[in-house]
């Protein structure tokens, strides 16, 4: 059974940090494009960071230099380290996996990501 379970969300003040985790089971996630997405109220879900099977990382311009995506294969866990958080980072954050191109632009095709977690809420106050 495929499962992606996110954790680590919470409420922080602007400038603070959080680390999101996504524990994966039921498939060999190292063979997939792994991504972190977010969705703010009233907005479309957007890709913020991706990690491909070769270990290459990509970031949306809005988070570049502040967020870091990584994985620990021994723990089957994907991470998103978020620093210098801003109020506009407030959203529900999801991890997902797909057998697809791993560019930020390709992450716009949500249907190409077949596996999704339930999400974890991040709230940044000013």
N, C-alpha and C. Protein backbone atom coordinates (compact mmCIF):
# COMPACT_ATOMS: atom_id res chain seq x y z
N UNK A 1 0.86 -1.20 0.00
CA UNK A 1 0.00 0.00 0.00
C UNK A 1 0.88 1.24 0.00
N UNK A 2 0.65 2.10 -0.96
CA UNK A 2 1.42 3.34 -1.06
C UNK A 2 0.94 4.34 -0.01
N UNK A 3 1.89 4.91 0.70
CA UNK A 3 1.56 5.95 1.67
C UNK A 3 2.63 7.04 1.65
N UNK A 4 2.19 8.27 1.73
CA UNK A 4 3.07 9.42 1.94
C UNK A 4 2.46 10.18 3.11
N UNK A 5 3.22 10.34 4.16
CA UNK A 5 2.71 10.97 5.37
C UNK A 5 3.59 12.15 5.74
N UNK A 6 3.01 13.34 5.64
CA UNK A 6 3.75 14.56 5.96
C UNK A 6 3.60 14.91 7.44
N UNK A 7 4.59 15.62 7.93
CA UNK A 7 4.55 16.16 9.29
C UNK A 7 5.51 17.34 9.36
N UNK A 8 5.44 18.06 10.47
CA UNK A 8 6.39 19.14 10.69
C UNK A 8 5.83 20.54 10.49
N UNK A 9 4.60 20.63 10.03
CA UNK A 9 4.01 21.94 9.86
C UNK A 9 3.72 22.58 11.20
N UNK A 10 3.35 23.86 11.14
CA UNK A 10 3.04 24.58 12.37
C UNK A 10 2.91 26.05 12.13
N UNK A 11 2.89 26.81 13.21
CA UNK A 11 2.77 28.26 13.14
C UNK A 11 4.07 28.89 13.61
N UNK A 12 4.60 29.78 12.80
CA UNK A 12 5.84 30.48 13.13
C UNK A 12 5.71 31.94 12.77
N UNK A 13 6.58 32.74 13.32
CA UNK A 13 6.64 34.15 12.95
C UNK A 13 7.52 34.31 11.71
N UNK A 14 7.31 35.39 11.02
CA UNK A 14 8.12 35.70 9.85
C UNK A 14 9.61 35.68 10.22
N UNK A 15 10.40 35.10 9.36
CA UNK A 15 11.82 34.96 9.62
C UNK A 15 12.19 33.64 10.27
N UNK A 16 11.19 32.90 10.72
CA UNK A 16 11.43 31.63 11.38
C UNK A 16 11.67 30.50 10.40
N UNK A 17 11.83 29.30 10.97
CA UNK A 17 12.15 28.11 10.18
C UNK A 17 11.28 26.94 10.57
N UNK A 18 11.06 26.06 9.61
CA UNK A 18 10.39 24.79 9.84
C UNK A 18 11.03 23.73 8.96
N UNK A 19 10.95 22.47 9.39
CA UNK A 19 11.38 21.37 8.54
C UNK A 19 10.22 20.39 8.40
N UNK A 20 9.79 20.24 7.18
CA UNK A 20 8.73 19.29 6.87
C UNK A 20 9.34 17.93 6.53
N UNK A 21 8.64 16.88 6.91
CA UNK A 21 9.06 15.52 6.60
C UNK A 21 7.93 14.80 5.87
N UNK A 22 8.32 13.89 5.01
CA UNK A 22 7.35 13.07 4.29
C UNK A 22 7.88 11.63 4.29
N UNK A 23 7.25 10.79 5.09
CA UNK A 23 7.66 9.39 5.15
C UNK A 23 6.92 8.62 4.08
N UNK A 24 7.69 7.90 3.28
CA UNK A 24 7.16 7.21 2.11
C UNK A 24 7.20 5.70 2.31
N UNK A 25 6.17 5.01 1.89
CA UNK A 25 6.17 3.56 1.94
C UNK A 25 5.34 3.01 0.79
N UNK A 26 5.64 1.77 0.42
CA UNK A 26 4.85 1.09 -0.60
C UNK A 26 5.36 1.23 -2.02
N UNK A 27 6.41 2.00 -2.22
CA UNK A 27 7.01 2.08 -3.55
C UNK A 27 8.45 2.57 -3.39
N UNK A 28 9.23 2.38 -4.46
CA UNK A 28 10.65 2.76 -4.43
C UNK A 28 10.75 4.22 -4.85
N UNK A 29 10.69 5.10 -3.88
CA UNK A 29 10.57 6.52 -4.19
C UNK A 29 11.81 7.09 -4.87
N UNK A 30 12.94 6.41 -4.74
CA UNK A 30 14.15 6.91 -5.39
C UNK A 30 14.04 6.84 -6.91
N UNK A 31 13.07 6.11 -7.43
CA UNK A 31 12.88 6.00 -8.87
C UNK A 31 11.93 7.06 -9.42
N UNK A 32 11.39 7.88 -8.54
CA UNK A 32 10.38 8.85 -8.93
C UNK A 32 10.91 10.28 -8.80
N UNK A 33 10.21 11.17 -9.48
CA UNK A 33 10.36 12.58 -9.17
C UNK A 33 9.58 12.82 -7.88
N UNK A 34 10.27 13.35 -6.87
CA UNK A 34 9.62 13.68 -5.60
C UNK A 34 9.49 15.19 -5.50
N UNK A 35 8.33 15.64 -5.10
CA UNK A 35 8.12 17.07 -5.05
C UNK A 35 7.37 17.53 -3.81
N UNK A 36 7.60 18.75 -3.47
CA UNK A 36 6.82 19.46 -2.45
C UNK A 36 5.96 20.50 -3.16
N UNK A 37 4.70 20.49 -2.84
CA UNK A 37 3.73 21.42 -3.38
C UNK A 37 3.10 22.19 -2.23
N UNK A 38 2.47 23.31 -2.56
CA UNK A 38 1.71 24.03 -1.56
C UNK A 38 0.46 24.63 -2.18
N UNK A 39 -0.54 24.81 -1.33
CA UNK A 39 -1.78 25.41 -1.79
C UNK A 39 -2.32 26.34 -0.71
N UNK A 40 -2.39 27.60 -1.06
CA UNK A 40 -2.95 28.60 -0.16
C UNK A 40 -4.45 28.72 -0.43
N UNK A 41 -5.21 29.19 0.54
CA UNK A 41 -6.66 29.34 0.34
C UNK A 41 -6.97 30.19 -0.89
N UNK A 42 -7.83 29.66 -1.74
CA UNK A 42 -8.24 30.40 -2.92
C UNK A 42 -7.26 30.40 -4.06
N UNK A 43 -6.17 29.67 -3.89
CA UNK A 43 -5.14 29.62 -4.94
C UNK A 43 -4.94 28.20 -5.44
N UNK A 44 -4.33 28.09 -6.62
CA UNK A 44 -4.03 26.79 -7.17
C UNK A 44 -2.85 26.16 -6.46
N UNK A 45 -2.81 24.84 -6.49
CA UNK A 45 -1.67 24.13 -5.94
C UNK A 45 -0.47 24.38 -6.84
N UNK A 46 0.68 24.66 -6.22
CA UNK A 46 1.88 24.95 -6.99
C UNK A 46 3.06 24.14 -6.48
N UNK A 47 3.95 23.83 -7.39
CA UNK A 47 5.16 23.14 -7.02
C UNK A 47 6.18 24.12 -6.48
N UNK A 48 6.85 23.76 -5.40
CA UNK A 48 7.86 24.64 -4.82
C UNK A 48 9.26 24.04 -4.88
N UNK A 49 9.38 22.72 -4.85
CA UNK A 49 10.70 22.11 -4.89
C UNK A 49 10.58 20.68 -5.41
N UNK A 50 11.60 20.24 -6.13
CA UNK A 50 11.60 18.87 -6.64
C UNK A 50 12.97 18.24 -6.50
N UNK A 51 12.95 16.91 -6.45
CA UNK A 51 14.18 16.13 -6.33
C UNK A 51 14.03 14.94 -7.25
N UNK A 52 14.92 14.84 -8.25
CA UNK A 52 14.74 13.76 -9.21
C UNK A 52 15.56 12.53 -8.80
N UNK A 53 15.45 11.49 -9.61
CA UNK A 53 16.09 10.21 -9.27
C UNK A 53 17.61 10.29 -9.31
N UNK A 54 18.14 11.31 -9.96
CA UNK A 54 19.60 11.51 -9.99
C UNK A 54 20.09 12.41 -8.86
N UNK A 55 19.16 12.89 -8.06
CA UNK A 55 19.54 13.76 -6.96
C UNK A 55 19.56 15.23 -7.28
N UNK A 56 19.11 15.59 -8.48
CA UNK A 56 19.06 17.01 -8.85
C UNK A 56 17.88 17.69 -8.18
N UNK A 57 18.10 18.90 -7.72
CA UNK A 57 17.04 19.65 -7.05
C UNK A 57 16.68 20.89 -7.87
N UNK A 58 15.43 21.29 -7.77
CA UNK A 58 14.95 22.48 -8.44
C UNK A 58 13.98 23.19 -7.51
N UNK A 59 13.91 24.51 -7.66
CA UNK A 59 13.08 25.31 -6.76
C UNK A 59 12.31 26.38 -7.53
N UNK A 60 11.12 26.66 -7.05
CA UNK A 60 10.40 27.80 -7.57
C UNK A 60 11.14 29.07 -7.18
N UNK A 61 11.05 30.07 -8.03
CA UNK A 61 11.77 31.33 -7.76
C UNK A 61 11.38 31.92 -6.41
N UNK A 62 10.14 31.73 -6.01
CA UNK A 62 9.66 32.34 -4.78
C UNK A 62 10.31 31.77 -3.52
N UNK A 63 10.92 30.58 -3.64
CA UNK A 63 11.51 29.95 -2.45
C UNK A 63 13.01 29.72 -2.60
N UNK A 64 13.54 30.00 -3.77
CA UNK A 64 14.95 29.75 -4.04
C UNK A 64 15.83 30.49 -3.04
N UNK A 65 16.79 29.77 -2.47
CA UNK A 65 17.68 30.37 -1.49
C UNK A 65 17.16 30.30 -0.07
N UNK A 66 15.90 29.93 0.09
CA UNK A 66 15.31 29.83 1.43
C UNK A 66 14.90 28.41 1.78
N UNK A 67 14.48 27.64 0.79
CA UNK A 67 14.01 26.27 1.01
C UNK A 67 15.04 25.29 0.46
N UNK A 68 15.14 24.13 1.12
CA UNK A 68 16.03 23.07 0.66
C UNK A 68 15.30 21.74 0.72
N UNK A 69 15.28 21.04 -0.41
CA UNK A 69 14.68 19.71 -0.46
C UNK A 69 15.79 18.67 -0.37
N UNK A 70 15.52 17.61 0.37
CA UNK A 70 16.52 16.55 0.52
C UNK A 70 15.80 15.26 0.86
N UNK A 71 16.56 14.18 0.90
CA UNK A 71 15.96 12.89 1.26
C UNK A 71 16.96 12.05 2.03
N UNK A 72 16.42 11.15 2.80
CA UNK A 72 17.21 10.17 3.53
C UNK A 72 16.69 8.81 3.11
N UNK A 73 17.45 8.14 2.24
CA UNK A 73 16.97 6.87 1.71
C UNK A 73 16.84 5.80 2.79
N UNK A 74 17.70 5.85 3.79
CA UNK A 74 17.64 4.86 4.86
C UNK A 74 16.35 4.96 5.65
N UNK A 75 15.80 6.17 5.69
CA UNK A 75 14.57 6.41 6.45
C UNK A 75 13.36 6.54 5.53
N UNK A 76 13.56 6.40 4.21
CA UNK A 76 12.47 6.58 3.25
C UNK A 76 11.72 7.89 3.50
N UNK A 77 12.49 8.94 3.70
CA UNK A 77 11.90 10.22 4.08
C UNK A 77 12.40 11.34 3.20
N UNK A 78 11.46 12.16 2.77
CA UNK A 78 11.73 13.37 2.01
C UNK A 78 11.57 14.55 2.96
N UNK A 79 12.44 15.54 2.83
CA UNK A 79 12.40 16.70 3.71
C UNK A 79 12.26 17.99 2.91
N UNK A 80 11.73 19.00 3.59
CA UNK A 80 11.76 20.35 3.06
C UNK A 80 12.14 21.27 4.21
N UNK A 81 13.38 21.76 4.15
CA UNK A 81 13.86 22.71 5.14
C UNK A 81 13.46 24.10 4.66
N UNK A 82 12.74 24.82 5.51
CA UNK A 82 12.23 26.14 5.13
C UNK A 82 12.78 27.18 6.10
N UNK A 83 13.54 28.12 5.58
CA UNK A 83 14.13 29.19 6.38
C UNK A 83 13.63 30.54 5.90
N UNK A 84 13.83 31.54 6.74
CA UNK A 84 13.42 32.91 6.40
C UNK A 84 11.99 32.94 5.90
N UNK A 85 11.13 32.30 6.63
CA UNK A 85 9.74 32.18 6.20
C UNK A 85 9.04 33.53 6.16
N UNK A 86 8.14 33.65 5.19
CA UNK A 86 7.38 34.88 4.97
C UNK A 86 5.89 34.57 5.10
N UNK A 87 5.09 35.58 5.40
CA UNK A 87 3.64 35.34 5.48
C UNK A 87 3.07 34.72 4.21
N UNK A 88 3.65 35.06 3.06
CA UNK A 88 3.15 34.51 1.80
C UNK A 88 3.49 33.04 1.62
N UNK A 89 4.28 32.47 2.52
CA UNK A 89 4.55 31.03 2.49
C UNK A 89 3.43 30.24 3.17
N UNK A 90 2.50 30.93 3.79
CA UNK A 90 1.39 30.27 4.46
C UNK A 90 0.57 29.46 3.47
N UNK A 91 0.44 28.15 3.74
CA UNK A 91 -0.27 27.25 2.84
C UNK A 91 -0.31 25.86 3.44
N UNK A 92 -1.10 25.00 2.81
CA UNK A 92 -1.02 23.57 3.08
C UNK A 92 0.07 23.02 2.18
N UNK A 93 0.99 22.27 2.77
CA UNK A 93 2.11 21.72 2.01
C UNK A 93 1.91 20.21 1.84
N UNK A 94 2.15 19.76 0.61
CA UNK A 94 1.97 18.36 0.25
C UNK A 94 3.26 17.81 -0.36
N UNK A 95 3.55 16.56 -0.08
CA UNK A 95 4.58 15.87 -0.84
C UNK A 95 3.89 14.95 -1.84
N UNK A 96 4.57 14.70 -2.93
CA UNK A 96 4.00 13.89 -3.99
C UNK A 96 5.10 13.20 -4.78
N UNK A 97 4.72 12.15 -5.47
CA UNK A 97 5.65 11.39 -6.30
C UNK A 97 5.04 11.14 -7.66
N UNK A 98 5.87 11.22 -8.68
CA UNK A 98 5.38 10.96 -10.02
C UNK A 98 6.47 10.48 -10.94
N UNK A 99 6.10 9.66 -11.91
CA UNK A 99 7.04 9.24 -12.95
C UNK A 99 6.91 10.25 -14.07
N UNK A 100 7.57 11.39 -13.88
CA UNK A 100 7.42 12.49 -14.81
C UNK A 100 8.67 13.35 -14.78
N UNK A 101 8.71 14.34 -15.68
CA UNK A 101 9.80 15.29 -15.62
C UNK A 101 9.76 16.01 -14.29
N UNK A 102 10.94 16.41 -13.84
CA UNK A 102 11.03 16.92 -12.47
C UNK A 102 11.34 18.41 -12.43
N UNK A 103 10.97 19.14 -13.48
CA UNK A 103 11.18 20.58 -13.46
C UNK A 103 10.02 21.25 -12.73
N UNK A 104 10.22 22.47 -12.31
CA UNK A 104 9.16 23.21 -11.63
C UNK A 104 7.98 23.40 -12.59
N UNK A 105 8.29 23.64 -13.85
CA UNK A 105 7.22 23.81 -14.85
C UNK A 105 6.40 22.53 -14.98
N UNK A 106 7.09 21.38 -15.00
CA UNK A 106 6.39 20.10 -15.14
C UNK A 106 5.53 19.81 -13.92
N UNK A 107 5.88 20.37 -12.79
CA UNK A 107 5.09 20.15 -11.59
C UNK A 107 3.72 20.80 -11.70
N UNK A 108 3.55 21.63 -12.71
CA UNK A 108 2.23 22.22 -12.93
C UNK A 108 1.20 21.21 -13.39
N UNK A 109 1.68 20.08 -13.92
CA UNK A 109 0.77 19.02 -14.35
C UNK A 109 0.53 18.09 -13.17
N UNK A 110 -0.36 18.48 -12.30
CA UNK A 110 -0.58 17.74 -11.06
C UNK A 110 -1.00 16.30 -11.32
N UNK A 111 -1.67 16.07 -12.45
CA UNK A 111 -2.16 14.72 -12.74
C UNK A 111 -1.01 13.74 -12.98
N UNK A 112 0.17 14.26 -13.26
CA UNK A 112 1.32 13.40 -13.51
C UNK A 112 1.96 12.90 -12.21
N UNK A 113 1.49 13.41 -11.11
CA UNK A 113 1.96 12.94 -9.81
C UNK A 113 0.88 12.03 -9.24
N UNK A 114 1.17 10.75 -9.25
CA UNK A 114 0.15 9.77 -8.91
C UNK A 114 -0.02 9.52 -7.42
N UNK A 115 0.99 9.86 -6.65
CA UNK A 115 0.95 9.60 -5.21
C UNK A 115 1.05 10.90 -4.44
N UNK A 116 0.14 11.09 -3.49
CA UNK A 116 0.09 12.33 -2.71
C UNK A 116 -0.07 12.02 -1.22
N UNK A 117 0.50 12.90 -0.42
CA UNK A 117 0.23 12.85 1.01
C UNK A 117 -0.99 13.67 1.35
N UNK A 118 -1.32 13.70 2.63
CA UNK A 118 -2.54 14.37 3.07
C UNK A 118 -2.32 15.85 3.36
N UNK A 119 -1.07 16.25 3.45
CA UNK A 119 -0.75 17.66 3.66
C UNK A 119 -0.47 18.01 5.10
N UNK A 120 0.30 19.07 5.28
CA UNK A 120 0.59 19.62 6.60
C UNK A 120 0.55 21.14 6.49
N UNK A 121 -0.11 21.77 7.45
CA UNK A 121 -0.35 23.21 7.39
C UNK A 121 0.84 24.00 7.91
N UNK A 122 1.21 25.01 7.15
CA UNK A 122 2.25 25.96 7.57
C UNK A 122 1.62 27.35 7.61
N UNK A 123 1.73 28.00 8.75
CA UNK A 123 1.19 29.35 8.92
C UNK A 123 2.30 30.27 9.41
N UNK A 124 2.52 31.35 8.66
CA UNK A 124 3.57 32.30 9.00
C UNK A 124 2.93 33.64 9.30
N UNK A 125 3.13 34.14 10.49
CA UNK A 125 2.54 35.41 10.90
C UNK A 125 3.58 36.53 10.80
N UNK A 126 3.07 37.72 10.53
CA UNK A 126 3.97 38.87 10.38
C UNK A 126 4.24 39.55 11.71
